Amino acid sequence: MDFRELITFKTISETRNFSRAADILGYTQSTVSMQIKNLESELGTKLFEYKKRQVMITDAGLQLLPMVDKTMENFSEIKNWNQMEGTGVLKIAAPESLTISMLAPKLKQFQLLYPHVQIELQNATCLHNEEILLRGDVDIAFMMWPSKPSLRLIDHDLGEQTMILVSSKKQTFQQLLNDDQANFIINEPECSYRNQFETSLWQQHQRQFKTISLPSIAAIKSVVIGGLGFSYLPFEMIKEDIEQGRLFVIKNDIVNHVHGHLLTRKYKYKSELISGFVNLFK
């Protein structure tokens, strides 16, 4: 029996969707289907069935689920057993904004406490970070999100993140709304604060802007400072530019719901390294 088949079974039982499970796990749908077929053959029973075009877990699957949970917990403890002595690898995923504003200062403190621990840091979107934490590719994930993360995870809310609307010239929000040539300079569509701004803008003002997507906050700032548009960014990322007059704040009525989140998997929270890292943010 392949342990990956158990992870696939667990993921499908939670998403109730083979395609969604394949996306989360980074497999093709045919691979996911084959893994479940192999597992059902090994166990001699059906684990899923279709009812009205929906994936339903069978009674046998429901009986198997707690055993899989325990197996995954034990597997994680085996992989990380040496972390109890303050050694090992701590894998962290974070978006660019939280890496700069929150994570970087804490990493130095952590290295002083655990000098023999190797830190692996990944920079990706918030949604991607949550997904790779759920499938066990990292130990800790950071997100900026207005909604609650998955109930399968332990969520440490890092508080509201101040968001600022900025451009390279002084103007009112109404002037910006009336500007048919204005460009919204921002990052990927999955970005939480981009979604917040665009959703609120449409709900409150029935307004959409032409959008230019760029891969980093540094690139966004450079383009906005160059006068090619405006942006909506975390305050910590543009504080210095505002103070030095390179960017100007546009007061607006967008209601901010974006919070920073530090996430861990429930069965990994017993790890000394993970709990030690989380404590730095309390």
Protein backbone atom coordinates (compact mmCIF):
# COMPACT_ATOMS: atom_id res chain seq x y z
CA MET A 1 0.00 0.00 0.00
CA ASP A 2 1.39 3.38 -1.06
CA PHE A 3 1.20 6.11 1.59
CA ARG A 4 0.44 8.62 -1.17
CA GLU A 5 -2.78 6.73 -1.87
CA LEU A 6 -3.89 7.40 1.70
CA ILE A 7 -3.14 11.11 1.30
CA THR A 8 -5.18 11.15 -1.91
CA PHE A 9 -8.06 9.33 -0.19
CA LYS A 10 -7.97 11.86 2.66
CA THR A 11 -7.93 14.83 0.26
CA ILE A 12 -10.86 13.54 -1.80
CA SER A 13 -12.86 12.83 1.36
CA GLU A 14 -12.50 16.50 2.30
CA THR A 15 -12.97 18.11 -1.12
CA ARG A 16 -15.52 15.59 -2.45
CA ASN A 17 -14.03 16.31 -5.84
CA PHE A 18 -11.41 14.31 -7.75
CA SER A 19 -10.35 17.30 -9.88
CA ARG A 20 -9.93 19.58 -6.87
CA ALA A 21 -7.93 16.91 -5.04
CA ALA A 22 -5.68 16.53 -8.09
CA ASP A 23 -5.03 20.30 -8.13
CA ILE A 24 -4.19 20.38 -4.42
CA LEU A 25 -1.86 17.39 -4.62
CA GLY A 26 -0.24 18.38 -7.90
CA TYR A 27 -1.36 15.24 -9.74
CA THR A 28 -3.33 14.66 -12.91
CA GLN A 29 -6.92 13.53 -12.42
CA SER A 30 -6.08 10.18 -14.01
CA THR A 31 -3.33 9.64 -11.40
CA VAL A 32 -5.76 10.39 -8.57
CA SER A 33 -8.34 7.99 -10.04
CA MET A 34 -5.71 5.27 -10.40
CA GLN A 35 -4.51 5.73 -6.82
CA ILE A 36 -8.04 5.31 -5.47
CA LYS A 37 -8.61 2.29 -7.73
CA ASN A 38 -5.42 0.69 -6.39
CA LEU A 39 -6.38 1.43 -2.79
CA GLU A 40 -9.89 0.01 -3.25
CA SER A 41 -8.39 -3.10 -4.84
CA GLU A 42 -5.96 -3.49 -1.94
CA LEU A 43 -8.73 -3.11 0.65
CA GLY A 44 -11.35 -5.03 -1.29
CA THR A 45 -14.06 -2.39 -0.95
CA LYS A 46 -15.41 0.76 -2.58
CA LEU A 47 -14.38 4.01 -0.87
CA PHE A 48 -16.28 6.50 -3.05
CA GLU A 49 -19.37 6.43 -5.21
CA TYR A 50 -21.24 8.91 -7.37
CA LYS A 51 -24.75 10.03 -6.42
CA LYS A 52 -26.45 12.64 -8.57
CA ARG A 53 -23.05 13.45 -10.10
CA GLN A 54 -21.54 14.15 -6.68
CA VAL A 55 -18.69 12.21 -5.06
CA MET A 56 -19.89 10.55 -1.86
CA ILE A 57 -17.74 8.65 0.63
CA THR A 58 -19.02 5.14 1.38
CA ASP A 59 -19.57 3.63 4.83
CA ALA A 60 -16.32 1.72 4.40
CA GLY A 61 -14.57 5.01 3.56
CA LEU A 62 -15.97 6.63 6.70
CA GLN A 63 -14.64 3.75 8.79
CA LEU A 64 -11.22 4.06 7.14
CA LEU A 65 -10.94 7.83 7.59
CA PRO A 66 -9.93 7.96 11.32
CA MET A 67 -7.31 5.27 10.73
CA VAL A 68 -5.84 7.30 7.87
CA ASP A 69 -5.79 10.41 10.08
CA LYS A 70 -3.84 8.50 12.73
CA THR A 71 -1.47 7.03 10.15
CA MET A 72 -0.74 10.49 8.72
CA GLU A 73 -0.11 11.84 12.21
CA ASN A 74 2.30 9.02 13.03
CA PHE A 75 4.06 9.44 9.69
CA SER A 76 4.59 13.14 10.36
CA GLU A 77 6.01 12.43 13.82
CA ILE A 78 8.44 9.89 12.36
CA LYS A 79 9.59 12.37 9.69
CA ASN A 80 10.20 15.05 12.31
CA TRP A 81 11.30 13.02 15.34
CA ASN A 82 14.78 14.57 15.40
CA GLN A 83 13.31 18.06 15.72
CA MET A 84 12.70 17.34 19.42
CA GLU A 85 16.41 17.91 19.99
CA GLY A 86 16.46 21.29 18.26
CA THR A 87 17.76 20.01 14.95
CA GLY A 88 16.26 19.27 11.56
CA VAL A 89 14.57 21.30 8.84
CA LEU A 90 11.74 23.80 9.22
CA LYS A 91 9.88 24.46 5.97
CA ILE A 92 8.02 27.77 5.71
CA ALA A 93 5.88 29.22 2.91
CA ALA A 94 4.94 32.91 2.88
CA PRO A 95 3.80 35.64 0.48
CA GLU A 96 6.27 38.40 -0.33
CA SER A 97 4.51 41.05 1.78
CA LEU A 98 4.51 39.04 5.02
CA THR A 99 8.05 37.77 4.41
CA ILE A 100 9.28 41.35 4.37
CA SER A 101 7.08 42.88 7.07
CA MET A 102 6.76 40.08 9.64
CA LEU A 103 8.73 36.95 8.87
CA ALA A 104 12.24 38.25 8.17
CA PRO A 105 12.78 39.83 11.64
CA LYS A 106 11.55 36.67 13.39
CA LEU A 107 13.79 34.35 11.40
CA LYS A 108 16.87 35.91 12.97
CA GLN A 109 15.43 35.42 16.46
CA PHE A 110 14.56 31.82 15.64
CA GLN A 111 18.08 31.07 14.39
CA LEU A 112 19.49 32.33 17.69
CA LEU A 113 17.21 29.94 19.59
CA TYR A 114 17.76 27.00 17.23
CA PRO A 115 21.18 27.47 15.59
CA HIS A 116 21.28 23.89 14.25
CA VAL A 117 17.95 24.07 12.43
CA GLN A 118 17.93 24.55 8.67
CA ILE A 119 15.19 26.87 7.40
CA GLU A 120 13.69 26.38 3.95
CA LEU A 121 11.66 29.39 2.83
CA GLN A 122 9.27 29.44 -0.14
CA ASN A 123 7.70 32.57 -1.61
CA ALA A 124 4.28 31.99 -3.19
CA THR A 125 0.68 33.18 -3.22
CA CYS A 126 -1.49 32.85 -0.13
CA LEU A 127 -3.83 30.26 -1.64
CA HIS A 128 -0.90 28.15 -2.82
CA ASN A 129 0.70 28.34 0.64
CA GLU A 130 -2.45 26.99 2.28
CA GLU A 131 -2.66 24.13 -0.21
CA ILE A 132 0.95 22.99 0.17
CA LEU A 133 0.56 23.10 3.97
CA LEU A 134 -2.57 20.95 3.74
CA ARG A 135 -0.75 18.32 1.71
CA GLY A 136 2.28 18.36 4.03
CA ASP A 137 4.91 19.94 1.79
CA VAL A 138 5.72 22.63 4.39
CA ASP A 139 5.47 22.88 8.19
CA ILE A 140 4.26 26.48 8.46
CA ALA A 141 2.40 28.74 6.04
CA PHE A 142 1.68 32.47 6.12
CA MET A 143 -1.35 34.02 4.44
CA MET A 144 -3.09 37.33 4.08
CA TRP A 145 -6.80 36.62 3.91
CA PRO A 146 -10.12 38.20 4.88
CA SER A 147 -11.77 34.82 5.52
CA LYS A 148 -11.00 31.92 7.82
CA PRO A 149 -8.47 29.33 6.58
CA SER A 150 -9.27 25.61 6.43
CA LEU A 151 -10.65 24.11 9.64
CA ARG A 152 -8.05 21.36 9.24
CA LEU A 153 -5.37 23.90 10.19
CA ILE A 154 -4.46 25.78 13.36
CA ASP A 155 -4.86 29.49 12.65
CA HIS A 156 -2.84 32.09 14.53
CA ASP A 157 -4.34 35.46 13.54
CA LEU A 158 -1.56 38.05 13.25
CA GLY A 159 -3.99 40.95 13.16
CA GLU A 160 -5.37 43.33 10.59
CA GLN A 161 -2.94 44.41 7.89
CA THR A 162 -3.21 48.12 7.05
CA MET A 163 -3.90 48.60 3.34
CA ILE A 164 -3.20 51.86 1.48
CA LEU A 165 -4.37 53.13 -1.90
CA VAL A 166 -1.52 55.05 -3.56
CA SER A 167 -0.48 56.80 -6.77
CA SER A 168 2.40 59.02 -7.89
CA LYS A 169 0.26 62.18 -7.75
CA LYS A 170 -2.07 63.83 -5.26
CA GLN A 171 -5.71 63.16 -6.09
CA THR A 172 -9.02 62.34 -4.45
CA PHE A 173 -10.73 58.99 -4.61
CA GLN A 174 -13.53 60.49 -6.67
CA GLN A 175 -11.02 61.82 -9.19
CA LEU A 176 -9.58 58.34 -9.48
CA LEU A 177 -13.04 56.81 -9.96
CA ASN A 178 -13.74 59.31 -12.74
CA ASP A 179 -10.45 58.62 -14.54
CA ASP A 180 -11.23 56.31 -17.48
CA GLN A 181 -7.52 55.96 -18.30
CA ALA A 182 -6.37 54.88 -14.84
CA ASN A 183 -4.52 51.56 -14.55
CA PHE A 184 -4.69 49.35 -11.46
CA ILE A 185 -1.13 48.02 -10.94
CA ILE A 186 -1.25 44.93 -8.77
CA ASN A 187 -0.10 41.31 -8.44
CA GLU A 188 -1.73 37.97 -9.24
CA PRO A 189 -5.54 37.49 -9.36
CA GLU A 190 -5.40 35.15 -6.32
CA CYS A 191 -4.00 37.96 -4.13
CA SER A 192 -6.27 38.53 -1.10
CA TYR A 193 -6.01 42.31 -0.97
CA ARG A 194 -6.43 42.62 -4.72
CA ASN A 195 -9.65 40.61 -4.39
CA GLN A 196 -10.79 42.76 -1.49
CA PHE A 197 -10.23 46.00 -3.41
CA GLU A 198 -11.83 44.83 -6.67
CA THR A 199 -14.82 43.26 -4.94
CA SER A 200 -15.49 46.28 -2.70
CA LEU A 201 -14.97 48.69 -5.60
CA TRP A 202 -17.63 46.93 -7.64
CA GLN A 203 -20.07 46.50 -4.76
CA GLN A 204 -19.77 50.09 -3.58
CA HIS A 205 -19.13 51.98 -6.82
CA GLN A 206 -19.86 49.57 -9.72
CA ARG A 207 -16.40 50.41 -11.05
CA GLN A 208 -13.70 48.31 -12.69
CA PHE A 209 -10.25 49.47 -13.78
CA LYS A 210 -7.88 48.27 -16.43
CA THR A 211 -5.39 46.02 -14.67
CA ILE A 212 -1.67 45.47 -15.10
CA SER A 213 -0.42 42.41 -13.17
CA LEU A 214 3.21 42.30 -12.05
CA PRO A 215 5.11 39.54 -10.23
CA SER A 216 6.48 41.46 -7.24
CA ILE A 217 5.71 44.38 -4.96
CA ALA A 218 9.02 45.99 -5.93
CA ALA A 219 7.95 45.97 -9.59
CA ILE A 220 4.48 47.30 -8.71
CA LYS A 221 5.93 50.18 -6.72
CA SER A 222 8.38 51.06 -9.49
CA VAL A 223 5.63 51.24 -12.11
CA VAL A 224 3.30 53.27 -9.86
CA ILE A 225 6.09 55.69 -8.93
CA GLY A 226 6.74 56.04 -12.67
CA GLY A 227 3.20 57.36 -13.08
CA LEU A 228 1.64 54.49 -15.01
CA GLY A 229 -1.17 53.81 -12.55
CA PHE A 230 -2.20 53.34 -8.93
CA SER A 231 -2.08 50.42 -6.50
CA TYR A 232 -3.54 49.03 -3.27
CA LEU A 233 -0.77 47.66 -1.06
CA PRO A 234 0.12 46.78 2.54
CA PHE A 235 1.28 49.92 4.34
CA GLU A 236 4.55 48.35 5.51
CA MET A 237 5.55 47.80 1.87
CA ILE A 238 5.16 51.48 0.88
CA LYS A 239 5.73 53.35 4.14
CA GLU A 240 9.16 54.67 3.14
CA ASP A 241 7.95 55.71 -0.33
CA ILE A 242 5.11 57.72 1.23
CA GLU A 243 7.42 59.37 3.76
CA GLN A 244 9.85 60.39 1.02
CA GLY A 245 7.13 61.74 -1.27
CA ARG A 246 7.47 59.16 -4.04
CA LEU A 247 3.91 57.96 -3.47
CA PHE A 248 0.76 59.74 -2.28
CA VAL A 249 -2.09 58.26 -0.24
CA ILE A 250 -5.58 58.35 -1.76
CA LYS A 251 -8.15 58.36 1.03
CA ASN A 252 -10.99 55.97 0.19
CA ASP A 253 -14.01 54.14 1.57
CA ILE A 254 -12.80 50.57 0.94
CA VAL A 255 -13.47 48.58 4.14
CA ASN A 256 -10.41 46.52 5.06
CA HIS A 257 -10.86 42.92 6.23
CA VAL A 258 -7.40 41.58 5.42
CA HIS A 259 -5.57 39.88 8.29
CA GLY A 260 -2.23 38.13 8.45
CA HIS A 261 -2.39 34.43 9.39
CA LEU A 262 0.25 31.97 10.59
CA LEU A 263 -0.96 28.44 9.90
CA THR A 264 0.19 25.02 11.07
CA ARG A 265 -1.19 21.53 10.62
CA LYS A 266 -2.87 20.17 13.75
CA TYR A 267 -0.91 16.97 14.00
CA LYS A 268 2.42 18.81 13.63
CA TYR A 269 1.83 21.35 16.37
CA LYS A 270 3.47 19.02 18.93
CA SER A 271 6.83 19.66 17.29
CA GLU A 272 9.19 21.67 19.47
CA LEU A 273 10.44 23.61 16.46
CA ILE A 274 7.00 24.60 15.23
CA SER A 275 5.69 25.59 18.66
CA GLY A 276 8.92 27.51 19.28
CA PHE A 277 8.51 29.40 16.02
CA VAL A 278 4.84 30.19 16.69
CA ASN A 279 5.70 31.53 20.14
CA LEU A 280 7.85 34.24 18.55
CA PHE A 281 4.65 35.80 17.16
CA LYS A 282 2.70 35.83 20.42
